[in-house]
Amino acid sequence: MTQPIPNTLLRTALMSVAALLVSASTVFALDLDEARAKGLVGERSDGYIAAISNTSDATALVASINAQRKAEYKRIASGNGQSVDVVEKLAAGKIYENAEAGTLFMNPQGQWVKK
């Protein structure tokens, strides 16, 4: 059975995820904030993003952001003795909390809804 992650470790880990998301989004012609604002990508409940619009920029951005998130989630999980699934779910909750109003999230029925 896994042990709960102490709040300070979790906060630090999730802050590094947030920093990663900001830095990762500047590499593409389309950044994450812009893609969200345009409704091209949305957040899933597993801590990853998905393309809503099937454009090459959105698809490339999704692949890059998700690969970077996955690597960061694995690093956090390993450092805290947790499964990646636990970290993904915690990160998804933090992403939702910090997202701007109007950000699209996929609900459990697979529909895109605005925060």
Protein backbone atom coordinates (compact mmCIF):
# COMPACT_ATOMS: atom_id res chain seq x y z
CA MET A 1 0.00 0.00 0.00
CA THR A 2 1.34 3.45 -0.86
CA GLN A 3 1.81 6.13 1.75
CA PRO A 4 0.22 9.58 1.38
CA ILE A 5 2.49 12.27 -0.04
CA PRO A 6 3.29 14.96 2.54
CA ASN A 7 1.66 18.28 1.61
CA THR A 8 4.96 20.16 1.35
CA LEU A 9 6.45 17.59 -1.03
CA LEU A 10 3.30 17.55 -3.10
CA ARG A 11 3.16 21.34 -3.29
CA THR A 12 6.81 21.51 -4.36
CA ALA A 13 6.30 18.79 -6.94
CA LEU A 14 3.19 20.40 -8.38
CA MET A 15 4.91 23.78 -8.52
CA SER A 16 7.61 22.20 -10.65
CA VAL A 17 4.92 20.75 -12.91
CA ALA A 18 3.42 24.24 -13.29
CA ALA A 19 6.83 25.68 -14.16
CA LEU A 20 7.37 22.91 -16.68
CA LEU A 21 4.03 23.64 -18.31
CA VAL A 22 4.87 27.32 -18.72
CA SER A 23 8.33 26.69 -20.15
CA ALA A 24 7.20 23.87 -22.42
CA SER A 25 4.52 25.95 -24.04
CA THR A 26 6.90 28.56 -25.44
CA VAL A 27 8.63 26.24 -27.93
CA PHE A 28 5.79 26.03 -30.44
CA ALA A 29 4.19 28.56 -32.75
CA LEU A 30 1.15 27.93 -30.56
CA ASP A 31 1.64 27.96 -26.79
CA LEU A 32 -0.51 26.16 -24.25
CA ASP A 33 -2.29 29.25 -22.96
CA GLU A 34 -3.08 30.41 -26.49
CA ALA A 35 -4.26 26.95 -27.52
CA ARG A 36 -6.52 26.76 -24.46
CA ALA A 37 -7.91 30.26 -25.10
CA LYS A 38 -8.68 29.37 -28.72
CA GLY A 39 -10.38 26.12 -27.69
CA LEU A 40 -7.84 24.02 -29.59
CA VAL A 41 -6.83 21.90 -26.59
CA GLY A 42 -8.38 20.96 -23.29
CA GLU A 43 -7.44 19.28 -20.06
CA ARG A 44 -8.31 15.68 -19.32
CA SER A 45 -9.00 14.29 -15.85
CA ASP A 46 -5.77 12.26 -15.94
CA GLY A 47 -3.40 15.24 -15.89
CA TYR A 48 -2.81 15.38 -19.64
CA ILE A 49 -4.15 17.53 -22.47
CA ALA A 50 -6.01 16.51 -25.61
CA ALA A 51 -6.47 18.21 -28.96
CA ILE A 52 -10.00 19.44 -29.54
CA SER A 53 -9.14 20.82 -32.96
CA ASN A 54 -7.09 18.49 -35.12
CA THR A 55 -4.56 21.06 -36.39
CA SER A 56 -0.89 20.22 -36.79
CA ASP A 57 0.13 22.89 -34.24
CA ALA A 58 -2.35 21.62 -31.66
CA THR A 59 -1.35 17.98 -32.23
CA ALA A 60 2.36 18.80 -31.90
CA LEU A 61 1.74 20.84 -28.77
CA VAL A 62 -0.30 18.03 -27.19
CA ALA A 63 2.41 15.45 -27.90
CA SER A 64 5.15 17.65 -26.45
CA ILE A 65 3.27 18.81 -23.35
CA ASN A 66 2.04 15.30 -22.54
CA ALA A 67 5.53 13.80 -22.92
CA GLN A 68 6.97 16.45 -20.60
CA ARG A 69 4.16 16.02 -18.09
CA LYS A 70 4.62 12.24 -18.13
CA ALA A 71 8.35 12.58 -17.45
CA GLU A 72 7.71 15.02 -14.61
CA TYR A 73 4.95 12.84 -13.11
CA LYS A 74 7.33 9.83 -13.19
CA ARG A 75 10.07 11.86 -11.51
CA ILE A 76 7.69 13.06 -8.78
CA ALA A 77 6.25 9.57 -8.25
CA SER A 78 9.69 8.00 -7.99
CA GLY A 79 10.92 10.62 -5.55
CA ASN A 80 7.88 10.18 -3.31
CA GLY A 81 7.37 6.41 -3.45
CA GLN A 82 4.03 6.81 -5.21
CA SER A 83 2.56 5.42 -8.40
CA VAL A 84 2.43 7.63 -11.48
CA ASP A 85 -1.38 7.25 -11.42
CA VAL A 86 -1.56 8.94 -8.01
CA VAL A 87 0.61 11.84 -9.16
CA GLU A 88 -1.37 12.22 -12.40
CA LYS A 89 -4.66 12.49 -10.51
CA LEU A 90 -3.23 14.96 -7.99
CA ALA A 91 -1.74 17.06 -10.79
CA ALA A 92 -5.06 17.02 -12.68
CA GLY A 93 -6.80 18.45 -9.63
CA LYS A 94 -4.16 21.16 -9.25
CA ILE A 95 -4.36 22.01 -12.97
CA TYR A 96 -8.13 22.42 -12.63
CA GLU A 97 -7.77 24.64 -9.56
CA ASN A 98 -5.25 26.90 -11.29
CA ALA A 99 -6.90 27.04 -14.72
CA GLU A 100 -8.46 30.22 -16.00
CA ALA A 101 -12.23 30.46 -16.30
CA GLY A 102 -13.25 29.24 -19.73
CA THR A 103 -10.60 26.51 -19.90
CA LEU A 104 -12.07 23.36 -21.43
CA PHE A 105 -12.04 20.16 -19.38
CA MET A 106 -13.21 16.72 -20.44
CA ASN A 107 -15.93 15.44 -18.11
CA PRO A 108 -16.37 11.73 -17.22
CA GLN A 109 -18.81 11.34 -20.14
CA GLY A 110 -16.11 12.48 -22.57
CA GLN A 111 -17.68 15.87 -23.27
CA TRP A 112 -15.77 19.15 -23.25
CA VAL A 113 -17.08 21.62 -20.67
CA LYS A 114 -15.83 25.06 -19.66
CA LYS A 115 -14.56 25.69 -16.17
